[in-house]
Protein backbone atom coordinates (compact mmCIF):
# COMPACT_ATOMS: atom_id res chain seq x y z
CA UNK A 1 33.10 -94.37 -4.57
CA UNK A 2 32.16 -96.50 -7.54
CA UNK A 3 30.23 -93.61 -9.07
CA UNK A 4 33.16 -91.24 -8.50
CA UNK A 5 35.52 -93.64 -10.28
CA UNK A 6 33.12 -93.94 -13.22
CA UNK A 7 32.76 -90.16 -13.45
CA UNK A 8 36.55 -89.78 -13.42
CA UNK A 9 36.88 -92.24 -16.32
CA UNK A 10 34.25 -90.36 -18.33
CA UNK A 11 35.92 -87.00 -17.73
CA UNK A 12 39.33 -88.45 -18.70
CA UNK A 13 37.90 -89.91 -21.92
CA UNK A 14 36.24 -86.57 -22.74
CA UNK A 15 39.49 -84.62 -22.21
CA UNK A 16 41.52 -87.09 -24.30
CA UNK A 17 38.96 -86.98 -27.11
CA UNK A 18 38.90 -83.17 -27.08
CA UNK A 19 42.70 -83.10 -27.16
CA UNK A 20 42.77 -85.44 -30.16
CA UNK A 21 40.38 -83.14 -32.03
CA UNK A 22 42.50 -80.11 -31.11
CA UNK A 23 45.69 -81.81 -32.28
CA UNK A 24 44.15 -82.95 -35.58
CA UNK A 25 45.69 -81.26 -38.64
CA UNK A 26 43.80 -78.19 -39.82
CA UNK A 27 42.20 -78.49 -43.25
CA UNK A 28 42.82 -75.49 -45.50
CA UNK A 29 41.03 -74.90 -48.79
CA UNK A 30 41.84 -71.86 -50.95
CA UNK A 31 40.37 -70.73 -54.24
CA UNK A 32 41.69 -68.10 -56.65
CA UNK A 33 42.66 -67.35 -60.22
CA UNK A 34 42.89 -64.65 -62.85
CA UNK A 35 41.63 -63.45 -66.21
CA UNK A 36 43.10 -61.13 -68.81
CA UNK A 37 42.33 -59.55 -72.18
CA UNK A 38 44.25 -57.21 -74.47
CA UNK A 39 44.27 -54.99 -77.55
CA UNK A 40 47.22 -55.21 -79.93
CA UNK A 41 48.24 -53.24 -83.04
CA UNK A 42 51.30 -53.04 -85.28
CA UNK A 43 52.84 -49.67 -86.17
CA UNK A 44 55.10 -50.94 -88.96
CA UNK A 45 53.24 -54.00 -90.28
CA UNK A 46 49.72 -54.99 -91.40
CA UNK A 47 47.01 -55.80 -88.88
CA UNK A 48 44.98 -58.05 -91.16
CA UNK A 49 44.95 -61.80 -91.70
CA UNK A 50 48.74 -61.90 -92.02
CA UNK A 51 48.95 -61.66 -88.21
CA UNK A 52 52.49 -60.34 -88.14
CA UNK A 53 53.86 -60.53 -84.60
CA UNK A 54 57.09 -61.34 -82.75
CA UNK A 55 57.69 -65.09 -82.77
CA UNK A 56 57.12 -65.37 -79.03
CA UNK A 57 54.24 -66.90 -77.14
CA UNK A 58 50.99 -65.00 -76.47
CA UNK A 59 49.76 -61.49 -77.32
CA UNK A 60 50.20 -62.08 -81.05
CA UNK A 61 46.68 -61.37 -82.38
CA UNK A 62 45.76 -57.95 -83.79
CA UNK A 63 42.74 -56.15 -82.39
CA UNK A 64 40.95 -57.14 -79.21
CA UNK A 65 41.64 -60.64 -77.94
CA UNK A 66 41.28 -62.83 -74.91
CA UNK A 67 44.31 -63.93 -72.95
CA UNK A 68 43.33 -66.63 -70.53
CA UNK A 69 41.28 -67.37 -67.47
CA UNK A 70 42.46 -69.76 -64.80
CA UNK A 71 40.95 -71.23 -61.66
CA UNK A 72 43.31 -72.44 -58.93
CA UNK A 73 42.04 -74.67 -56.15
CA UNK A 74 44.42 -75.70 -53.37
CA UNK A 75 43.85 -78.02 -50.43
CA UNK A 76 46.17 -78.69 -47.51
CA UNK A 77 45.85 -80.88 -44.44
CA UNK A 78 48.84 -81.20 -42.18
CA UNK A 79 51.89 -82.22 -44.20
CA UNK A 80 50.07 -83.08 -47.43
CA UNK A 81 48.21 -81.09 -50.04
CA UNK A 82 47.21 -80.75 -53.67
CA UNK A 83 46.80 -78.02 -56.30
CA UNK A 84 44.57 -77.97 -59.40
CA UNK A 85 45.16 -75.10 -61.86
CA UNK A 86 42.70 -75.09 -64.78
CA UNK A 87 43.19 -72.71 -67.74
CA UNK A 88 40.88 -71.55 -70.51
CA UNK A 89 41.47 -69.30 -73.52
CA UNK A 90 44.18 -68.85 -76.19
CA UNK A 91 47.06 -68.17 -73.81
CA UNK A 92 46.33 -71.23 -71.71
CA UNK A 93 45.80 -73.45 -74.76
CA UNK A 94 49.11 -72.35 -76.32
CA UNK A 95 51.03 -73.06 -73.14
CA UNK A 96 49.33 -76.20 -71.90
CA UNK A 97 47.47 -77.82 -74.83
CA UNK A 98 44.87 -78.99 -72.26
CA UNK A 99 42.86 -77.30 -69.51
CA UNK A 100 45.29 -78.73 -66.95
CA UNK A 101 47.93 -76.08 -66.46
CA UNK A 102 49.05 -77.65 -63.19
CA UNK A 103 47.81 -80.66 -61.25
CA UNK A 104 49.98 -82.00 -58.46
CA UNK A 105 50.11 -83.34 -54.93
CA UNK A 106 52.83 -82.72 -52.35
CA UNK A 107 54.13 -84.08 -49.08
CA UNK A 108 56.15 -82.00 -46.62
CA UNK A 109 58.37 -84.73 -45.20
CA UNK A 110 59.96 -82.22 -42.85
CA UNK A 111 60.36 -78.46 -42.52
CA UNK A 112 63.26 -78.63 -45.00
CA UNK A 113 62.13 -81.34 -47.45
CA UNK A 114 59.13 -81.37 -49.79
CA UNK A 115 58.13 -83.96 -52.42
CA UNK A 116 55.85 -83.01 -55.34
CA UNK A 117 54.35 -85.31 -57.98
CA UNK A 118 52.19 -84.40 -60.97
CA UNK A 119 52.28 -81.60 -63.53
CA UNK A 120 53.80 -78.26 -62.55
CA UNK A 121 55.11 -75.17 -64.36
CA UNK A 122 58.78 -75.12 -65.25
CA UNK A 123 61.48 -73.95 -62.86
CA UNK A 124 63.58 -72.47 -65.68
CA UNK A 125 63.39 -68.86 -66.76
CA UNK A 126 62.32 -65.47 -65.43
CA UNK A 127 58.83 -65.41 -66.94
CA UNK A 128 55.83 -67.68 -66.39
CA UNK A 129 52.62 -68.65 -68.18
CA UNK A 130 50.19 -66.59 -66.10
CA UNK A 131 50.38 -62.82 -66.75
CA UNK A 132 49.93 -62.20 -63.03
CA UNK A 133 53.49 -63.49 -62.51
CA UNK A 134 55.15 -61.30 -65.15
CA UNK A 135 55.85 -57.60 -65.30
CA UNK A 136 55.71 -57.37 -69.11
CA UNK A 137 52.54 -58.64 -70.75
CA UNK A 138 54.08 -60.02 -73.94
CA UNK A 139 56.70 -62.70 -73.36
CA UNK A 140 60.37 -63.03 -74.24
CA UNK A 141 62.10 -65.23 -76.82
CA UNK A 142 63.89 -67.07 -74.01
CA UNK A 143 60.56 -67.92 -72.39
CA UNK A 144 58.96 -69.08 -75.63
CA UNK A 145 61.84 -71.35 -76.60
CA UNK A 146 62.26 -72.96 -73.20
CA UNK A 147 59.99 -75.51 -71.50
CA UNK A 148 56.56 -74.52 -70.17
CA UNK A 149 55.76 -77.37 -67.79
CA UNK A 150 57.02 -80.70 -66.46
CA UNK A 151 55.22 -83.86 -65.42
CA UNK A 152 57.07 -85.97 -62.90
CA UNK A 153 58.52 -86.02 -59.41
CA UNK A 154 60.66 -83.37 -57.73
CA UNK A 155 62.18 -82.88 -54.29
CA UNK A 156 62.79 -79.43 -52.81
CA UNK A 157 65.34 -79.02 -50.03
CA UNK A 158 65.91 -75.98 -47.80
CA UNK A 159 69.62 -76.35 -47.10
CA UNK A 160 69.96 -73.21 -44.99
CA UNK A 161 68.49 -69.74 -44.64
CA UNK A 162 70.20 -68.74 -47.90
CA UNK A 163 70.57 -71.97 -49.91
CA UNK A 164 67.93 -74.18 -51.57
CA UNK A 165 68.12 -77.20 -53.87
CA UNK A 166 65.63 -78.91 -56.18
CA UNK A 167 66.14 -82.27 -57.89
CA UNK A 168 63.62 -83.83 -60.26
CA UNK A 169 62.89 -86.49 -62.86
CA UNK A 170 60.22 -85.80 -65.49
CA UNK A 171 58.62 -87.01 -68.68
CA UNK A 172 59.91 -85.50 -71.90
CA UNK A 173 59.30 -81.76 -71.80
CA UNK A 174 55.62 -80.79 -72.12
CA UNK A 175 54.58 -84.49 -72.33
CA UNK A 176 51.80 -84.97 -69.78
CA UNK A 177 49.59 -88.04 -70.04
CA UNK A 178 51.90 -90.56 -71.72
CA UNK A 179 55.64 -91.01 -72.15
CA UNK A 180 55.84 -92.95 -75.44
CA UNK A 181 59.40 -94.31 -75.40
CA UNK A 182 60.27 -94.32 -71.73
CA UNK A 183 62.75 -91.44 -72.01
CA UNK A 184 62.96 -89.15 -69.02
CA UNK A 185 64.37 -85.72 -68.32
CA UNK A 186 66.29 -84.73 -65.22
CA UNK A 187 66.49 -81.28 -63.72
CA UNK A 188 67.98 -79.37 -60.83
CA UNK A 189 67.91 -75.90 -59.33
CA UNK A 190 70.38 -74.37 -56.90
CA UNK A 191 69.20 -71.20 -55.19
CA UNK A 192 71.15 -68.65 -53.19
CA UNK A 193 69.51 -65.49 -51.82
CA UNK A 194 67.04 -65.15 -54.69
CA UNK A 195 69.53 -66.13 -57.42
CA UNK A 196 68.89 -69.45 -59.21
CA UNK A 197 71.02 -71.70 -61.40
CA UNK A 198 68.81 -74.14 -63.34
CA UNK A 199 69.80 -77.24 -65.31
CA UNK A 200 67.65 -79.48 -67.53
CA UNK A 201 68.75 -82.51 -69.54
CA UNK A 202 66.09 -83.92 -71.85
CA UNK A 203 67.78 -86.04 -74.52
CA UNK A 204 64.54 -87.03 -76.27
CA UNK A 205 63.06 -83.53 -76.07
CA UNK A 206 64.77 -80.14 -75.67
CA UNK A 207 68.27 -81.48 -75.08
CA UNK A 208 70.44 -79.65 -72.53
CA UNK A 209 69.62 -76.21 -71.11
CA UNK A 210 71.39 -74.16 -68.46
CA UNK A 211 69.61 -71.09 -67.17
CA UNK A 212 70.32 -68.33 -64.66
CA UNK A 213 67.46 -66.34 -63.14
CA UNK A 214 67.79 -63.65 -60.53
CA UNK A 215 67.89 -59.97 -59.75
CA UNK A 216 68.63 -57.36 -57.12
CA UNK A 217 67.29 -54.15 -55.64
CA UNK A 218 69.46 -51.26 -56.80
CA UNK A 219 67.46 -48.93 -54.55
CA UNK A 220 64.22 -49.17 -52.59
CA UNK A 221 62.22 -48.31 -55.74
CA UNK A 222 64.53 -49.64 -58.48
CA UNK A 223 64.78 -53.37 -59.23
CA UNK A 224 66.84 -55.12 -61.92
CA UNK A 225 65.94 -58.65 -62.99
CA UNK A 226 68.22 -60.87 -65.07
CA UNK A 227 67.73 -64.03 -67.14
CA UNK A 228 70.36 -65.77 -69.25
CA UNK A 229 70.15 -69.17 -70.91
CA UNK A 230 72.00 -71.54 -73.23
CA UNK A 231 70.42 -74.60 -74.87
CA UNK A 232 71.81 -77.27 -77.19
CA UNK A 233 70.14 -80.32 -78.71
CA UNK A 234 72.65 -82.11 -80.98
CA UNK A 235 73.73 -78.92 -82.71
CA UNK A 236 70.34 -77.14 -82.57
CA UNK A 237 69.55 -74.62 -79.89
CA UNK A 238 69.72 -71.02 -78.72
CA UNK A 239 71.24 -68.63 -76.21
CA UNK A 240 70.35 -65.17 -74.98
CA UNK A 241 70.07 -62.70 -72.15
CA UNK A 242 67.23 -60.55 -70.79
CA UNK A 243 67.56 -57.51 -68.52
CA UNK A 244 64.49 -56.26 -66.60
CA UNK A 245 64.95 -52.83 -64.96
CA UNK A 246 61.80 -51.68 -63.14
CA UNK A 247 61.23 -48.37 -61.38
CA UNK A 248 58.35 -47.71 -59.00
CA UNK A 249 57.29 -44.10 -59.57
CA UNK A 250 54.27 -44.13 -57.24
CA UNK A 251 52.37 -46.68 -55.15
CA UNK A 252 50.15 -47.34 -58.18
CA UNK A 253 52.52 -46.98 -61.15
CA UNK A 254 55.69 -48.88 -62.05
CA UNK A 255 57.64 -48.45 -65.31
CA UNK A 256 59.66 -51.38 -66.59
CA UNK A 257 61.86 -52.24 -69.54
CA UNK A 258 62.83 -55.62 -70.97
CA UNK A 259 65.91 -55.60 -73.16
CA UNK A 260 66.61 -58.92 -74.85
CA UNK A 261 69.23 -60.39 -77.14
CA UNK A 262 68.30 -63.80 -78.54
CA UNK A 263 70.42 -65.93 -80.86
CA UNK A 264 69.46 -69.21 -82.49
CA UNK A 265 72.19 -71.73 -83.31
CA UNK A 266 72.19 -74.58 -85.81
CA UNK A 267 74.95 -76.70 -87.33
CA UNK A 268 72.92 -76.71 -90.55
CA UNK A 269 73.00 -72.90 -90.93
CA UNK A 270 76.16 -70.89 -91.50
CA UNK A 271 74.71 -67.56 -90.34
CA UNK A 272 72.25 -68.04 -87.49
CA UNK A 273 69.63 -65.27 -87.18
CA UNK A 274 69.40 -63.19 -84.02
CA UNK A 275 66.88 -60.75 -82.54
CA UNK A 276 67.24 -57.70 -80.32
CA UNK A 277 64.00 -56.70 -78.63
CA UNK A 278 63.08 -53.77 -76.37
CA UNK A 279 59.75 -53.75 -74.50
CA UNK A 280 58.60 -50.75 -72.45
CA UNK A 281 55.73 -51.52 -70.08
CA UNK A 282 53.73 -49.47 -67.64
CA UNK A 283 51.97 -51.30 -64.82
CA UNK A 284 49.15 -49.32 -63.22
CA UNK A 285 47.31 -50.83 -60.26
CA UNK A 286 43.70 -49.63 -60.40
CA UNK A 287 42.99 -51.39 -57.14
CA UNK A 288 44.40 -54.41 -55.37
CA UNK A 289 43.12 -56.82 -58.01
CA UNK A 290 43.01 -55.00 -61.38
CA UNK A 291 46.16 -54.00 -63.29
CA UNK A 292 46.28 -52.06 -66.59
CA UNK A 293 49.43 -52.48 -68.71
CA UNK A 294 50.20 -50.34 -71.79
CA UNK A 295 53.21 -51.74 -73.66
CA UNK A 296 55.39 -50.59 -76.55
CA UNK A 297 57.63 -53.17 -78.21
CA UNK A 298 60.31 -52.98 -80.90
CA UNK A 299 61.83 -56.17 -82.36
CA UNK A 300 64.86 -55.95 -84.63
CA UNK A 301 66.25 -58.99 -86.42
CA UNK A 302 69.60 -59.63 -88.06
CA UNK A 303 67.65 -60.67 -91.15
CA UNK A 304 64.35 -59.71 -92.83
CA UNK A 305 62.07 -61.78 -90.61
CA UNK A 306 59.10 -59.35 -90.63
CA UNK A 307 57.11 -57.47 -93.29
CA UNK A 308 56.22 -53.79 -93.50
CA UNK A 309 52.90 -52.15 -94.37
CA UNK A 310 53.69 -52.59 -98.09
CA UNK A 311 54.15 -56.34 -97.51
CA UNK A 312 57.88 -56.06 -98.16
CA UNK A 313 60.47 -57.94 -96.04
CA UNK A 314 62.00 -55.89 -93.25
CA UNK A 315 64.17 -56.43 -90.18
CA UNK A 316 62.06 -54.61 -87.60
CA UNK A 317 58.58 -54.61 -86.12
CA UNK A 318 57.01 -51.99 -83.88
CA UNK A 319 53.85 -52.84 -81.94
CA UNK A 320 51.63 -51.74 -79.05
CA UNK A 321 49.60 -53.74 -76.53
CA UNK A 322 47.10 -52.57 -73.93
CA UNK A 323 46.29 -55.33 -71.45
CA UNK A 324 43.96 -55.65 -68.47
CA UNK A 325 44.66 -58.32 -65.84
CA UNK A 326 42.33 -59.18 -62.99
CA UNK A 327 43.40 -61.43 -60.13
CA UNK A 328 41.03 -62.87 -57.58
């Protein structure tokens, strides 16, 4: 009887221990990234050391050039996790200034509430730093003039099946390691069925910006994206609107257009310059990971902000980019 009791205790302990191991949170580690390169040429301007290009971020060097490479490592265990996104190359350096594009940890307090602390890409705007997240390879004026990243704390709430809310407090825009004067920015995002209203107030940095990002499916193969923004920092700022119609012609090929009107504003200037830009991009999927993007772009300013092939001031600039993007 004594031996039977002892055996029962051992079996019970074994079952409880096995159950604890089964109930332990699963550890998940994922690894990915991308790399891209491009060729760029001007049709209406020199392609020498003058480096004439639209005053937007990335894809501004004539000839063959590197874009960026990034390595993304993510780890999750139960309700907590972390992401490290390291970037290399001209595109990453222009956007991040360091190799740390993103570096943050998160805690899923519940199914509807998530806290994130660290450095993460901005929630404003339609376009992002990595070319894998954009349809057009070159970027818009709205993207280039807005924030790239934030360092701070944010809380994401799933309010219902249709509504979401984000609230955050950050360092001054694009300030990562050190906040010199203790000034902080606050931001929020209200989402409804894929449409987002974004607000950022950064008194010591960009000032105030309100931004709408969204889109809709006109048909099964035809999508229209929209981005509009207004920013003001004590009389200095900008506003504009981007329209992104995209039509899927085949499983491999999609044709897309970005039409943009961008207007700077300044109390110190009586006639603020503006730009109207049209970018036509083809996106051809060679396989699941490699995408080839030929792109024609025409920028037209309200003033002579470019030069022509004779080095004379002109209002317009025509250019072409051929980009290759690989995602792994």
